[in-house]
Amino acid sequence: MAIHLKRVHHIAIICTNYEKSKHFYVNILGLRPIREIYREERRSYKLDLAVGDEYQIELFSFPSPPSRPSFPEAAGLRHLAFEVDSIDDTVSEIQAAGIEVEDVRIDPTTNKKFTFFTDPDQLPIEIYEGA
């Protein structure tokens, strides 16, 4: 018997500064807010963000979450990747927002352009040029 997974439903991200991360994901990356709630009992915000028409990111805030080990890379989820139409245009927009972006590289298997930058909590984010 095989499990039948239909698609990715959402990706959850815990941030240390809710307003800063909300600004980053909404105003810089351009994700569309779906709903925002404050859960008093957990002292936590939850913001659902649309990625295109099919995917969602849940942005959470919690009091004093531990830091994410990124360097050196730790076991577990490595990074979040988004497909874009133009790496060059996207890099220019990200840099215009004051965010440092790594040099653009070419994937040796697909010959597609890609690069990385980080969110306000140093979560690695990849942008990958589509077809």
Foldseek 3Di string as FASTA:
>chain_A
DDDDDDDDAEAEDEDADVVQLCCCVCVQVNWAWDDWDQDVVQRKIWTWTDDPPHYIYIYMYGHDDDADDQVVHDPDDNAAEEEDADPVVSVVSNVVVVWDWDDWDADPVPRWIKTWTAGPRRGIYMYTYDD
